[in-house]
Amino acid sequence: MKKKIMLLLVLIVLVLAGCGQKQIEESITLLDQNNNEVSFPQDKPTLFFFITTYT
């Protein structure tokens, strides 16, 4: 039963990945902790990560 669920999940992910856009046309803009806009260019690969805290 668990193998069937995993296979179904993998198939769904593959179908959704095939329906996406090949390239993002606009740059990605996020806000940092000081509400400054940070843009990521699309002309080269960029790695970014989030650190979140709940207080």
C-alpha atoms as a PDB file:
ATOM      1  CA  MET A   1       0.000   0.000   0.000  1.00  0.00           C
ATOM      2  CA  LYS A   2       2.811   2.424   0.847  1.00  0.00           C
ATOM      3  CA  LYS A   3       4.557   1.713  -2.477  1.00  0.00           C
ATOM      4  CA  LYS A   4       1.365   2.542  -4.386  1.00  0.00           C
ATOM      5  CA  ILE A   5       1.039   5.885  -2.608  1.00  0.00           C
ATOM      6  CA  MET A   6       4.682   6.755  -3.283  1.00  0.00           C
ATOM      7  CA  LEU A   7       4.338   5.804  -6.955  1.00  0.00           C
ATOM      8  CA  LEU A   8       1.205   7.935  -7.266  1.00  0.00           C
ATOM      9  CA  LEU A   9       2.976  10.866  -5.591  1.00  0.00           C
ATOM     10  CA  VAL A  10       5.965  10.593  -7.939  1.00  0.00           C
ATOM     11  CA  LEU A  11       3.685  10.482 -10.978  1.00  0.00           C
ATOM     12  CA  ILE A  12       1.788  13.574  -9.813  1.00  0.00           C
ATOM     13  CA  VAL A  13       5.044  15.476  -9.260  1.00  0.00           C
ATOM     14  CA  LEU A  14       6.287  14.525 -12.739  1.00  0.00           C
ATOM     15  CA  VAL A  15       3.047  15.684 -14.370  1.00  0.00           C
ATOM     16  CA  LEU A  16       3.082  18.991 -12.478  1.00  0.00           C
ATOM     17  CA  ALA A  17       6.756  19.557 -13.334  1.00  0.00           C
ATOM     18  CA  GLY A  18       5.990  19.004 -17.018  1.00  0.00           C
ATOM     19  CA  CYS A  19       3.258  21.648 -16.965  1.00  0.00           C
ATOM     20  CA  GLY A  20       5.466  24.459 -15.643  1.00  0.00           C
ATOM     21  CA  GLN A  21       7.226  27.233 -17.493  1.00  0.00           C
ATOM     22  CA  LYS A  22      10.698  26.589 -18.840  1.00  0.00           C
ATOM     23  CA  GLN A  23      12.099  29.924 -17.713  1.00  0.00           C
ATOM     24  CA  ILE A  24      10.948  32.754 -15.487  1.00  0.00           C
ATOM     25  CA  GLU A  25      10.812  35.974 -17.491  1.00  0.00           C
ATOM     26  CA  GLU A  26      10.867  38.428 -14.578  1.00  0.00           C
ATOM     27  CA  SER A  27      13.368  38.781 -11.760  1.00  0.00           C
ATOM     28  CA  ILE A  28      12.362  37.537  -8.323  1.00  0.00           C
ATOM     29  CA  THR A  29      12.016  40.251  -5.688  1.00  0.00           C
ATOM     30  CA  LEU A  30      11.719  39.458  -1.967  1.00  0.00           C
ATOM     31  CA  LEU A  31      11.700  41.511   1.219  1.00  0.00           C
ATOM     32  CA  ASP A  32      14.371  41.013   3.883  1.00  0.00           C
ATOM     33  CA  GLN A  33      13.925  41.455   7.643  1.00  0.00           C
ATOM     34  CA  ASN A  34      14.316  45.246   7.315  1.00  0.00           C
ATOM     35  CA  ASN A  35      11.690  45.473   4.536  1.00  0.00           C
ATOM     36  CA  ASN A  36      14.358  46.162   1.897  1.00  0.00           C
ATOM     37  CA  GLU A  37      13.695  44.717  -1.536  1.00  0.00           C
ATOM     38  CA  VAL A  38      16.194  42.093  -2.672  1.00  0.00           C
ATOM     39  CA  SER A  39      16.148  41.065  -6.354  1.00  0.00           C
ATOM     40  CA  PHE A  40      17.588  37.892  -7.830  1.00  0.00           C
ATOM     41  CA  PRO A  41      18.712  38.072 -11.460  1.00  0.00           C
ATOM     42  CA  GLN A  42      17.545  35.400 -13.894  1.00  0.00           C
ATOM     43  CA  ASP A  43      20.572  35.433 -16.211  1.00  0.00           C
ATOM     44  CA  LYS A  44      22.565  33.034 -14.004  1.00  0.00           C
ATOM     45  CA  PRO A  45      21.644  30.389 -11.397  1.00  0.00           C
ATOM     46  CA  THR A  46      21.062  31.755  -7.905  1.00  0.00           C
ATOM     47  CA  LEU A  47      20.794  29.904  -4.607  1.00  0.00           C
ATOM     48  CA  PHE A  48      18.856  31.482  -1.769  1.00  0.00           C
ATOM     49  CA  PHE A  49      17.388  30.099   1.445  1.00  0.00           C
ATOM     50  CA  PHE A  50      15.047  31.233   4.183  1.00  0.00           C
ATOM     51  CA  ILE A  51      15.571  31.196   7.927  1.00  0.00           C
ATOM     52  CA  THR A  52      12.300  31.653   9.746  1.00  0.00           C
ATOM     53  CA  THR A  53      11.574  32.032  13.424  1.00  0.00           C
ATOM     54  CA  TYR A  54       8.302  32.076  15.272  1.00  0.00           C
ATOM     55  CA  THR A  55       8.226  34.066  18.491  1.00  0.00           C
END
